[in-house]
Amino acid sequence: MAASPSRRVSTGERLNTAETTGKLQQILAQRGLRLTKQRRVILQVMDTAEQHLDVDQILARAQKIDSGVHLVTVYRTIDLLKKQGLIDELDLLHLRGDRHYYESHGPRDHIHVACLRCGKVREFESRLYEQLKEQIARDFDMKVTISRTEVGGYCGACLAADPSLAAPSKTAPHSASADDREHTRSH
């Protein structure tokens, strides 16, 4: 599937790279927030990450740069970034247990697409997703400030390795009736 302005699929795990995000340190400085040496290292790790990182991964990468970085500082920095609206906390379908992963905001929201067999997570963005959020904002008379969507299935490599994964599931998908849809819309 070719990339286009209306729909892009990542070639790796992250769609947004340091070129499109990577501004955490700059934004915090502009907002007048304290930037200690350890915090700068953590921000550098997050700014350059090309995959979703959990706390342990952030700590390990930060300690390669500065062995004085402590776990408590990682947690405090993540909490600060979440409160400032600069990063998202994700569970990624709990594919790797109950860990939470963090990513900085990119220019557009995206959908996380995860393989339930190998655990690979990719990102997908589409104008249709943007239109859906706009419709939700109109239908519910609200300003959408955050959206998180995750889709799970089996990637092409896993389907090729185990064709039984392509077999239809035992339970048929439930099609919502007009009454169900209206009930959902009214709440």
N, C-alpha and C. Protein backbone atom coordinates (compact mmCIF):
# COMPACT_ATOMS: atom_id res chain seq x y z
N MET A 1 0.84 -1.16 0.00
CA MET A 1 0.00 0.00 0.00
C MET A 1 0.89 1.23 0.00
N ALA A 2 0.75 2.06 -0.99
CA ALA A 2 1.60 3.24 -1.12
C ALA A 2 1.17 4.32 -0.14
N ALA A 3 2.16 5.07 0.33
CA ALA A 3 1.86 6.16 1.24
C ALA A 3 1.29 7.34 0.47
N SER A 4 0.33 8.00 1.05
CA SER A 4 -0.26 9.18 0.43
C SER A 4 -0.61 10.16 1.52
N PRO A 5 -0.87 11.42 1.15
CA PRO A 5 -1.22 12.39 2.18
C PRO A 5 -2.47 11.99 2.96
N SER A 6 -3.40 11.24 2.35
CA SER A 6 -4.62 10.89 3.05
C SER A 6 -4.49 9.62 3.89
N ARG A 7 -3.50 8.79 3.61
CA ARG A 7 -3.34 7.55 4.38
C ARG A 7 -1.86 7.14 4.36
N ARG A 8 -1.29 6.93 5.54
CA ARG A 8 0.09 6.48 5.62
C ARG A 8 0.18 5.29 6.55
N VAL A 9 1.01 4.35 6.18
CA VAL A 9 1.28 3.19 7.02
C VAL A 9 2.75 3.22 7.35
N SER A 10 3.08 2.97 8.60
CA SER A 10 4.49 3.02 8.98
C SER A 10 5.24 1.84 8.39
N THR A 11 6.52 2.05 8.12
CA THR A 11 7.37 0.96 7.65
C THR A 11 8.05 0.29 8.83
N GLY A 12 8.06 0.92 9.95
CA GLY A 12 8.63 0.36 11.16
C GLY A 12 7.58 0.37 12.24
N GLU A 13 8.00 0.50 13.47
CA GLU A 13 7.02 0.50 14.55
C GLU A 13 6.40 1.88 14.73
N ARG A 14 7.17 2.95 14.53
CA ARG A 14 6.67 4.30 14.76
C ARG A 14 6.48 5.04 13.45
N LEU A 15 5.36 5.70 13.33
CA LEU A 15 5.10 6.56 12.19
C LEU A 15 5.76 7.91 12.40
N ASN A 16 5.70 8.41 13.63
CA ASN A 16 6.28 9.70 13.96
C ASN A 16 7.70 9.50 14.45
N THR A 17 8.62 10.21 13.85
CA THR A 17 10.03 10.09 14.23
C THR A 17 10.48 11.40 14.85
N ALA A 18 11.74 11.47 15.20
CA ALA A 18 12.28 12.67 15.82
C ALA A 18 12.11 13.90 14.93
N GLU A 19 12.01 13.70 13.62
CA GLU A 19 11.82 14.84 12.72
C GLU A 19 10.43 15.45 12.86
N THR A 20 9.44 14.64 13.21
CA THR A 20 8.08 15.17 13.32
C THR A 20 7.66 15.43 14.75
N THR A 21 8.36 14.84 15.70
CA THR A 21 8.08 15.13 17.10
C THR A 21 9.36 15.75 17.65
N GLY A 22 10.03 15.09 18.58
CA GLY A 22 11.36 15.50 19.02
C GLY A 22 11.48 16.90 19.60
N LYS A 23 10.44 17.44 20.13
CA LYS A 23 10.51 18.81 20.61
C LYS A 23 10.21 18.92 22.11
N LEU A 24 10.28 17.83 22.82
CA LEU A 24 9.88 17.84 24.23
C LEU A 24 10.72 18.82 25.05
N GLN A 25 12.03 18.76 24.90
CA GLN A 25 12.91 19.63 25.67
C GLN A 25 12.62 21.10 25.36
N GLN A 26 12.46 21.38 24.09
CA GLN A 26 12.19 22.75 23.64
C GLN A 26 10.87 23.28 24.21
N ILE A 27 9.83 22.46 24.17
CA ILE A 27 8.52 22.88 24.65
C ILE A 27 8.54 23.12 26.16
N LEU A 28 9.17 22.22 26.90
CA LEU A 28 9.24 22.39 28.36
C LEU A 28 10.01 23.66 28.72
N ALA A 29 11.08 23.94 27.99
CA ALA A 29 11.85 25.16 28.25
C ALA A 29 11.00 26.39 27.95
N GLN A 30 10.26 26.37 26.86
CA GLN A 30 9.38 27.49 26.50
C GLN A 30 8.31 27.71 27.57
N ARG A 31 7.88 26.65 28.20
CA ARG A 31 6.85 26.75 29.24
C ARG A 31 7.44 27.10 30.61
N GLY A 32 8.75 27.28 30.66
CA GLY A 32 9.38 27.69 31.90
C GLY A 32 9.54 26.59 32.92
N LEU A 33 9.50 25.35 32.49
CA LEU A 33 9.64 24.22 33.42
C LEU A 33 11.11 23.87 33.60
N ARG A 34 11.43 23.43 34.79
CA ARG A 34 12.82 23.12 35.17
C ARG A 34 13.34 21.93 34.38
N LEU A 35 14.54 22.09 33.81
CA LEU A 35 15.15 21.01 33.04
C LEU A 35 16.48 20.62 33.68
N THR A 36 16.42 19.64 34.58
CA THR A 36 17.64 19.14 35.20
C THR A 36 18.41 18.32 34.18
N LYS A 37 19.65 18.00 34.51
CA LYS A 37 20.48 17.19 33.62
C LYS A 37 19.82 15.84 33.35
N GLN A 38 19.31 15.19 34.42
CA GLN A 38 18.66 13.88 34.25
C GLN A 38 17.41 14.01 33.39
N ARG A 39 16.62 15.04 33.63
CA ARG A 39 15.39 15.22 32.85
C ARG A 39 15.72 15.44 31.37
N ARG A 40 16.78 16.19 31.09
CA ARG A 40 17.19 16.42 29.69
C ARG A 40 17.54 15.09 29.01
N VAL A 41 18.21 14.22 29.73
CA VAL A 41 18.59 12.91 29.18
C VAL A 41 17.33 12.10 28.86
N ILE A 42 16.38 12.08 29.78
CA ILE A 42 15.13 11.33 29.57
C ILE A 42 14.38 11.90 28.37
N LEU A 43 14.32 13.22 28.26
CA LEU A 43 13.64 13.85 27.12
C LEU A 43 14.35 13.51 25.82
N GLN A 44 15.68 13.47 25.85
CA GLN A 44 16.44 13.08 24.66
C GLN A 44 16.08 11.66 24.23
N VAL A 45 15.99 10.75 25.19
CA VAL A 45 15.63 9.36 24.89
C VAL A 45 14.25 9.32 24.25
N MET A 46 13.30 10.04 24.82
CA MET A 46 11.93 10.00 24.30
C MET A 46 11.83 10.70 22.95
N ASP A 47 12.59 11.79 22.77
CA ASP A 47 12.56 12.51 21.51
C ASP A 47 13.11 11.70 20.35
N THR A 48 14.06 10.83 20.62
CA THR A 48 14.70 10.07 19.54
C THR A 48 14.17 8.65 19.39
N ALA A 49 13.23 8.26 20.23
CA ALA A 49 12.69 6.90 20.18
C ALA A 49 11.93 6.67 18.87
N GLU A 50 12.21 5.55 18.25
CA GLU A 50 11.49 5.17 17.04
C GLU A 50 10.63 3.94 17.30
N GLN A 51 10.37 3.69 18.57
CA GLN A 51 9.44 2.63 18.96
C GLN A 51 8.78 3.07 20.25
N HIS A 52 7.74 2.39 20.63
CA HIS A 52 7.06 2.69 21.88
C HIS A 52 7.91 2.14 23.01
N LEU A 53 8.18 2.97 24.01
CA LEU A 53 9.06 2.57 25.10
C LEU A 53 8.29 2.47 26.41
N ASP A 54 8.64 1.46 27.22
CA ASP A 54 8.10 1.39 28.57
C ASP A 54 9.11 2.04 29.52
N VAL A 55 8.76 2.13 30.79
CA VAL A 55 9.60 2.81 31.77
C VAL A 55 10.98 2.16 31.85
N ASP A 56 11.03 0.83 31.87
CA ASP A 56 12.32 0.15 31.97
C ASP A 56 13.20 0.44 30.76
N GLN A 57 12.61 0.50 29.58
CA GLN A 57 13.38 0.80 28.38
C GLN A 57 13.88 2.25 28.39
N ILE A 58 13.04 3.15 28.86
CA ILE A 58 13.45 4.56 28.96
C ILE A 58 14.62 4.68 29.92
N LEU A 59 14.51 4.02 31.07
CA LEU A 59 15.58 4.06 32.08
C LEU A 59 16.88 3.49 31.52
N ALA A 60 16.81 2.32 30.90
CA ALA A 60 18.02 1.68 30.37
C ALA A 60 18.71 2.57 29.33
N ARG A 61 17.93 3.14 28.43
CA ARG A 61 18.52 4.02 27.40
C ARG A 61 19.10 5.28 28.02
N ALA A 62 18.39 5.83 29.01
CA ALA A 62 18.88 7.04 29.67
C ALA A 62 20.17 6.76 30.42
N GLN A 63 20.27 5.62 31.08
CA GLN A 63 21.47 5.29 31.85
C GLN A 63 22.67 5.01 30.95
N LYS A 64 22.44 4.68 29.69
CA LYS A 64 23.56 4.55 28.75
C LYS A 64 24.18 5.92 28.46
N ILE A 65 23.36 6.95 28.54
CA ILE A 65 23.83 8.32 28.31
C ILE A 65 24.40 8.91 29.59
N ASP A 66 23.68 8.68 30.71
CA ASP A 66 24.08 9.21 32.02
C ASP A 66 23.70 8.19 33.07
N SER A 67 24.70 7.53 33.64
CA SER A 67 24.43 6.47 34.62
C SER A 67 23.77 7.00 35.89
N GLY A 68 23.71 8.30 36.06
CA GLY A 68 23.10 8.89 37.25
C GLY A 68 21.59 9.05 37.17
N VAL A 69 20.98 8.66 36.05
CA VAL A 69 19.53 8.78 35.91
C VAL A 69 18.87 7.72 36.78
N HIS A 70 17.87 8.14 37.56
CA HIS A 70 17.18 7.24 38.49
C HIS A 70 15.76 6.96 38.02
N LEU A 71 15.25 5.80 38.42
CA LEU A 71 13.90 5.38 38.05
C LEU A 71 12.84 6.40 38.49
N VAL A 72 13.00 6.93 39.69
CA VAL A 72 12.02 7.90 40.19
C VAL A 72 11.97 9.13 39.28
N THR A 73 13.10 9.52 38.72
CA THR A 73 13.13 10.68 37.82
C THR A 73 12.42 10.36 36.51
N VAL A 74 12.54 9.12 36.05
CA VAL A 74 11.81 8.70 34.84
C VAL A 74 10.31 8.82 35.10
N TYR A 75 9.84 8.27 36.22
CA TYR A 75 8.42 8.33 36.54
C TYR A 75 7.94 9.78 36.68
N ARG A 76 8.71 10.60 37.35
CA ARG A 76 8.31 12.01 37.53
C ARG A 76 8.27 12.75 36.20
N THR A 77 9.23 12.47 35.33
CA THR A 77 9.27 13.13 34.03
C THR A 77 8.10 12.68 33.16
N ILE A 78 7.79 11.39 33.18
CA ILE A 78 6.63 10.89 32.43
C ILE A 78 5.35 11.54 32.95
N ASP A 79 5.22 11.63 34.26
CA ASP A 79 4.03 12.25 34.85
C ASP A 79 3.92 13.72 34.41
N LEU A 80 5.03 14.44 34.42
CA LEU A 80 5.04 15.83 33.98
C LEU A 80 4.62 15.94 32.51
N LEU A 81 5.19 15.09 31.66
CA LEU A 81 4.88 15.13 30.23
C LEU A 81 3.41 14.79 29.96
N LYS A 82 2.86 13.86 30.72
CA LYS A 82 1.43 13.53 30.57
C LYS A 82 0.57 14.72 31.00
N LYS A 83 0.91 15.34 32.12
CA LYS A 83 0.14 16.50 32.60
C LYS A 83 0.23 17.66 31.63
N GLN A 84 1.34 17.79 30.94
CA GLN A 84 1.52 18.87 29.97
C GLN A 84 0.89 18.52 28.62
N GLY A 85 0.37 17.30 28.48
CA GLY A 85 -0.27 16.88 27.24
C GLY A 85 0.70 16.62 26.10
N LEU A 86 1.93 16.25 26.44
CA LEU A 86 2.97 16.07 25.42
C LEU A 86 3.22 14.62 25.04
N ILE A 87 2.78 13.69 25.88
CA ILE A 87 2.94 12.27 25.56
C ILE A 87 1.65 11.53 25.85
N ASP A 88 1.53 10.36 25.25
CA ASP A 88 0.41 9.47 25.50
C ASP A 88 0.92 8.22 26.19
N GLU A 89 0.08 7.67 27.06
CA GLU A 89 0.36 6.40 27.71
C GLU A 89 -0.51 5.36 27.03
N LEU A 90 0.09 4.29 26.57
CA LEU A 90 -0.59 3.25 25.80
C LEU A 90 -0.45 1.91 26.48
N ASP A 91 -1.44 1.03 26.29
CA ASP A 91 -1.26 -0.34 26.78
C ASP A 91 -1.01 -1.32 25.64
N LEU A 92 -1.23 -0.91 24.40
CA LEU A 92 -0.95 -1.70 23.20
C LEU A 92 -1.55 -3.11 23.30
N LEU A 93 -2.84 -3.15 23.63
CA LEU A 93 -3.61 -4.39 23.72
C LEU A 93 -3.05 -5.37 24.75
N HIS A 94 -2.22 -4.88 25.64
CA HIS A 94 -1.59 -5.72 26.67
C HIS A 94 -0.87 -6.92 26.06
N LEU A 95 -0.31 -6.73 24.87
CA LEU A 95 0.40 -7.82 24.20
C LEU A 95 1.63 -8.28 24.98
N ARG A 96 2.22 -7.36 25.69
CA ARG A 96 3.43 -7.69 26.45
C ARG A 96 3.16 -7.59 27.95
N GLY A 97 2.01 -8.08 28.36
CA GLY A 97 1.64 -8.02 29.77
C GLY A 97 0.95 -6.70 30.09
N ASP A 98 1.08 -6.29 31.32
CA ASP A 98 0.40 -5.08 31.77
C ASP A 98 1.26 -3.83 31.65
N ARG A 99 2.31 -3.89 30.90
CA ARG A 99 3.19 -2.73 30.74
C ARG A 99 2.47 -1.59 30.04
N HIS A 100 2.91 -0.38 30.34
CA HIS A 100 2.43 0.80 29.64
C HIS A 100 3.58 1.36 28.84
N TYR A 101 3.26 1.89 27.68
CA TYR A 101 4.24 2.43 26.76
C TYR A 101 3.95 3.90 26.54
N TYR A 102 4.97 4.63 26.15
CA TYR A 102 4.85 6.07 26.02
C TYR A 102 5.34 6.51 24.65
N GLU A 103 4.65 7.51 24.11
CA GLU A 103 5.07 8.10 22.85
C GLU A 103 4.72 9.58 22.87
N SER A 104 5.56 10.36 22.21
CA SER A 104 5.27 11.79 22.11
C SER A 104 4.24 12.00 21.01
N HIS A 105 3.49 13.09 21.14
CA HIS A 105 2.45 13.40 20.16
C HIS A 105 3.09 13.74 18.82
N GLY A 106 2.52 13.22 17.77
CA GLY A 106 2.94 13.58 16.43
C GLY A 106 2.00 14.62 15.86
N PRO A 107 2.17 14.93 14.61
CA PRO A 107 1.32 15.95 14.00
C PRO A 107 -0.14 15.52 13.84
N ARG A 108 -0.39 14.22 13.77
CA ARG A 108 -1.76 13.72 13.63
C ARG A 108 -1.95 12.51 14.52
N ASP A 109 -3.20 12.29 14.96
CA ASP A 109 -3.51 11.07 15.69
C ASP A 109 -3.39 9.88 14.75
N HIS A 110 -3.17 8.72 15.32
CA HIS A 110 -3.02 7.52 14.50
C HIS A 110 -3.60 6.32 15.25
N ILE A 111 -3.74 5.23 14.53
CA ILE A 111 -4.27 3.99 15.07
C ILE A 111 -3.11 3.04 15.27
N HIS A 112 -3.06 2.37 16.42
CA HIS A 112 -2.03 1.35 16.65
C HIS A 112 -2.58 0.02 16.18
N VAL A 113 -1.84 -0.64 15.30
CA VAL A 113 -2.24 -1.92 14.72
C VAL A 113 -1.24 -2.97 15.20
N ALA A 114 -1.75 -3.96 15.94
CA ALA A 114 -0.87 -4.93 16.60
C ALA A 114 -1.14 -6.35 16.11
N CYS A 115 -0.07 -7.10 15.91
CA CYS A 115 -0.19 -8.52 15.59
C CYS A 115 -0.30 -9.28 16.92
N LEU A 116 -1.35 -10.06 17.05
CA LEU A 116 -1.60 -10.79 18.29
C LEU A 116 -0.69 -12.00 18.46
N ARG A 117 0.02 -12.36 17.39
CA ARG A 117 0.92 -13.52 17.48
C ARG A 117 2.35 -13.09 17.78
N CYS A 118 2.91 -12.21 16.94
CA CYS A 118 4.32 -11.83 17.12
C CYS A 118 4.49 -10.57 17.95
N GLY A 119 3.41 -9.81 18.14
CA GLY A 119 3.47 -8.63 18.99
C GLY A 119 3.94 -7.36 18.30
N LYS A 120 4.21 -7.41 17.00
CA LYS A 120 4.66 -6.21 16.29
C LYS A 120 3.54 -5.18 16.30
N VAL A 121 3.91 -3.93 16.59
CA VAL A 121 2.95 -2.83 16.61
C VAL A 121 3.35 -1.83 15.55
N ARG A 122 2.39 -1.48 14.72
CA ARG A 122 2.62 -0.47 13.68
C ARG A 122 1.61 0.64 13.87
N GLU A 123 1.86 1.74 13.21
CA GLU A 123 0.96 2.89 13.30
C GLU A 123 0.36 3.19 11.94
N PHE A 124 -0.89 3.60 11.97
CA PHE A 124 -1.64 3.88 10.75
C PHE A 124 -2.39 5.19 10.95
N GLU A 125 -2.29 6.07 9.96
CA GLU A 125 -3.08 7.29 10.02
C GLU A 125 -3.85 7.44 8.72
N SER A 126 -5.01 8.06 8.84
CA SER A 126 -5.90 8.16 7.70
C SER A 126 -6.78 9.39 7.84
N ARG A 127 -7.09 10.00 6.73
CA ARG A 127 -8.05 11.11 6.73
C ARG A 127 -9.41 10.63 7.22
N LEU A 128 -9.76 9.37 6.96
CA LEU A 128 -11.02 8.83 7.45
C LEU A 128 -11.09 8.85 8.97
N TYR A 129 -9.98 8.59 9.62
CA TYR A 129 -9.93 8.64 11.08
C TYR A 129 -10.18 10.07 11.56
N GLU A 130 -9.56 11.03 10.88
CA GLU A 130 -9.78 12.43 11.21
C GLU A 130 -11.25 12.81 11.02
N GLN A 131 -11.85 12.32 9.94
CA GLN A 131 -13.27 12.60 9.68
C GLN A 131 -14.16 11.98 10.75
N LEU A 132 -13.82 10.78 11.21
CA LEU A 132 -14.58 10.13 12.27
C LEU A 132 -14.54 10.96 13.55
N LYS A 133 -13.37 11.47 13.90
CA LYS A 133 -13.26 12.31 15.10
C LYS A 133 -14.08 13.59 14.94
N GLU A 134 -14.07 14.16 13.73
CA GLU A 134 -14.87 15.36 13.47
C GLU A 134 -16.36 15.06 13.62
N GLN A 135 -16.79 13.90 13.13
CA GLN A 135 -18.20 13.52 13.27
C GLN A 135 -18.56 13.31 14.73
N ILE A 136 -17.70 12.68 15.50
CA ILE A 136 -17.94 12.49 16.93
C ILE A 136 -18.07 13.85 17.61
N ALA A 137 -17.19 14.77 17.26
CA ALA A 137 -17.26 16.11 17.85
C ALA A 137 -18.59 16.78 17.54
N ARG A 138 -19.05 16.65 16.30
CA ARG A 138 -20.35 17.24 15.91
C ARG A 138 -21.51 16.53 16.60
N ASP A 139 -21.54 15.20 16.53
CA ASP A 139 -22.66 14.43 17.06
C ASP A 139 -22.81 14.58 18.57
N PHE A 140 -21.72 14.75 19.28
CA PHE A 140 -21.78 14.84 20.73
C PHE A 140 -21.52 16.26 21.24
N ASP A 141 -21.44 17.22 20.30
CA ASP A 141 -21.23 18.62 20.64
C ASP A 141 -20.08 18.76 21.63
N MET A 142 -18.92 18.30 21.21
CA MET A 142 -17.75 18.34 22.09
C MET A 142 -16.50 18.64 21.29
N LYS A 143 -15.48 19.02 21.98
CA LYS A 143 -14.16 19.19 21.37
C LYS A 143 -13.35 17.93 21.70
N VAL A 144 -12.96 17.19 20.70
CA VAL A 144 -12.17 15.98 20.90
C VAL A 144 -10.72 16.40 21.10
N THR A 145 -10.16 16.07 22.25
CA THR A 145 -8.78 16.44 22.54
C THR A 145 -7.84 15.25 22.57
N ILE A 146 -8.42 14.06 22.66
CA ILE A 146 -7.59 12.85 22.67
C ILE A 146 -8.39 11.71 22.07
N SER A 147 -7.70 10.88 21.31
CA SER A 147 -8.33 9.66 20.79
C SER A 147 -7.27 8.58 20.75
N ARG A 148 -7.67 7.40 21.15
CA ARG A 148 -6.76 6.26 21.13
C ARG A 148 -7.51 5.09 20.55
N THR A 149 -6.96 4.52 19.52
CA THR A 149 -7.59 3.38 18.87
C THR A 149 -6.53 2.31 18.65
N GLU A 150 -6.88 1.07 18.98
CA GLU A 150 -5.98 -0.06 18.78
C GLU A 150 -6.74 -1.13 18.02
N VAL A 151 -6.06 -1.75 17.07
CA VAL A 151 -6.64 -2.82 16.27
C VAL A 151 -5.72 -4.02 16.38
N GLY A 152 -6.28 -5.18 16.66
CA GLY A 152 -5.48 -6.40 16.78
C GLY A 152 -5.87 -7.40 15.72
N GLY A 153 -4.91 -8.16 15.26
CA GLY A 153 -5.12 -9.19 14.25
C GLY A 153 -3.82 -9.92 14.02
N TYR A 154 -3.65 -10.46 12.83
CA TYR A 154 -2.44 -11.21 12.51
C TYR A 154 -1.76 -10.62 11.29
N CYS A 155 -0.47 -10.34 11.40
CA CYS A 155 0.28 -9.74 10.30
C CYS A 155 0.50 -10.77 9.19
N GLY A 156 0.90 -10.28 8.03
CA GLY A 156 1.12 -11.14 6.88
C GLY A 156 2.15 -12.22 7.14
N ALA A 157 3.23 -11.90 7.85
CA ALA A 157 4.27 -12.89 8.14
C ALA A 157 3.73 -14.01 9.03
N CYS A 158 2.94 -13.64 10.02
CA CYS A 158 2.37 -14.66 10.92
C CYS A 158 1.32 -15.50 10.20
N LEU A 159 0.54 -14.88 9.32
CA LEU A 159 -0.43 -15.64 8.53
C LEU A 159 0.27 -16.63 7.61
N ALA A 160 1.39 -16.22 7.02
CA ALA A 160 2.15 -17.11 6.14
C ALA A 160 2.76 -18.27 6.93
N ALA A 161 3.22 -17.98 8.16
CA ALA A 161 3.84 -19.02 8.99
C ALA A 161 2.80 -19.99 9.56
N ASP A 162 1.57 -19.52 9.78
CA ASP A 162 0.53 -20.36 10.36
C ASP A 162 -0.80 -20.05 9.68
N PRO A 163 -1.08 -20.70 8.54
CA PRO A 163 -2.30 -20.42 7.79
C PRO A 163 -3.59 -20.65 8.57
N SER A 164 -3.54 -21.44 9.65
CA SER A 164 -4.75 -21.66 10.43
C SER A 164 -5.25 -20.37 11.08
N LEU A 165 -4.38 -19.38 11.22
CA LEU A 165 -4.79 -18.09 11.80
C LEU A 165 -5.79 -17.36 10.90
N ALA A 166 -5.79 -17.70 9.61
CA ALA A 166 -6.68 -17.03 8.67
C ALA A 166 -8.09 -17.63 8.69
N ALA A 167 -8.25 -18.77 9.37
CA ALA A 167 -9.57 -19.41 9.43
C ALA A 167 -10.55 -18.48 10.13
N PRO A 168 -11.81 -18.51 9.71
CA PRO A 168 -12.81 -17.65 10.36
C PRO A 168 -12.92 -17.99 11.85
N SER A 169 -13.20 -16.96 12.64
CA SER A 169 -13.34 -17.19 14.08
C SER A 169 -14.63 -17.95 14.34
N LYS A 170 -14.70 -18.60 15.48
CA LYS A 170 -15.83 -19.45 15.82
C LYS A 170 -17.10 -18.65 16.11
N THR A 171 -16.94 -17.40 16.55
CA THR A 171 -18.10 -16.58 16.83
C THR A 171 -18.32 -15.59 15.70
N ALA A 172 -19.54 -15.53 15.23
CA ALA A 172 -19.86 -14.60 14.15
C ALA A 172 -19.94 -13.20 14.71
N PRO A 173 -19.45 -12.23 13.92
CA PRO A 173 -19.53 -10.85 14.40
C PRO A 173 -20.98 -10.41 14.54
N HIS A 174 -21.26 -9.65 15.59
CA HIS A 174 -22.61 -9.17 15.85
C HIS A 174 -22.80 -7.86 15.10
N SER A 175 -23.83 -7.80 14.30
CA SER A 175 -24.15 -6.58 13.59
C SER A 175 -25.15 -5.79 14.41
N ALA A 176 -24.80 -4.57 14.74
CA ALA A 176 -25.67 -3.74 15.56
C ALA A 176 -26.89 -3.32 14.77
N SER A 177 -28.05 -3.44 15.42
CA SER A 177 -29.29 -2.99 14.78
C SER A 177 -29.38 -1.48 14.86
N ALA A 178 -30.33 -0.93 14.15
CA ALA A 178 -30.54 0.52 14.21
C ALA A 178 -30.85 0.95 15.63
N ASP A 179 -31.62 0.13 16.37
CA ASP A 179 -31.94 0.45 17.77
C ASP A 179 -30.68 0.46 18.62
N ASP A 180 -29.77 -0.52 18.41
CA ASP A 180 -28.51 -0.58 19.15
C ASP A 180 -27.68 0.67 18.87
N ARG A 181 -27.63 1.04 17.60
CA ARG A 181 -26.82 2.22 17.24
C ARG A 181 -27.40 3.47 17.88
N GLU A 182 -28.72 3.62 17.85
CA GLU A 182 -29.34 4.79 18.44
C GLU A 182 -29.13 4.80 19.96
N HIS A 183 -29.22 3.64 20.58
CA HIS A 183 -28.99 3.54 22.02
C HIS A 183 -27.57 4.00 22.34
N THR A 184 -26.62 3.56 21.55
CA THR A 184 -25.22 3.94 21.77
C THR A 184 -25.05 5.45 21.58
N ARG A 185 -25.66 6.00 20.57
CA ARG A 185 -25.51 7.43 20.28
C ARG A 185 -26.11 8.29 21.38
N SER A 186 -27.16 7.84 22.02
CA SER A 186 -27.84 8.70 22.97
C SER A 186 -27.17 8.76 24.34
N HIS A 187 -26.19 7.93 24.59
CA HIS A 187 -25.52 7.95 25.90
C HIS A 187 -24.25 8.73 25.89
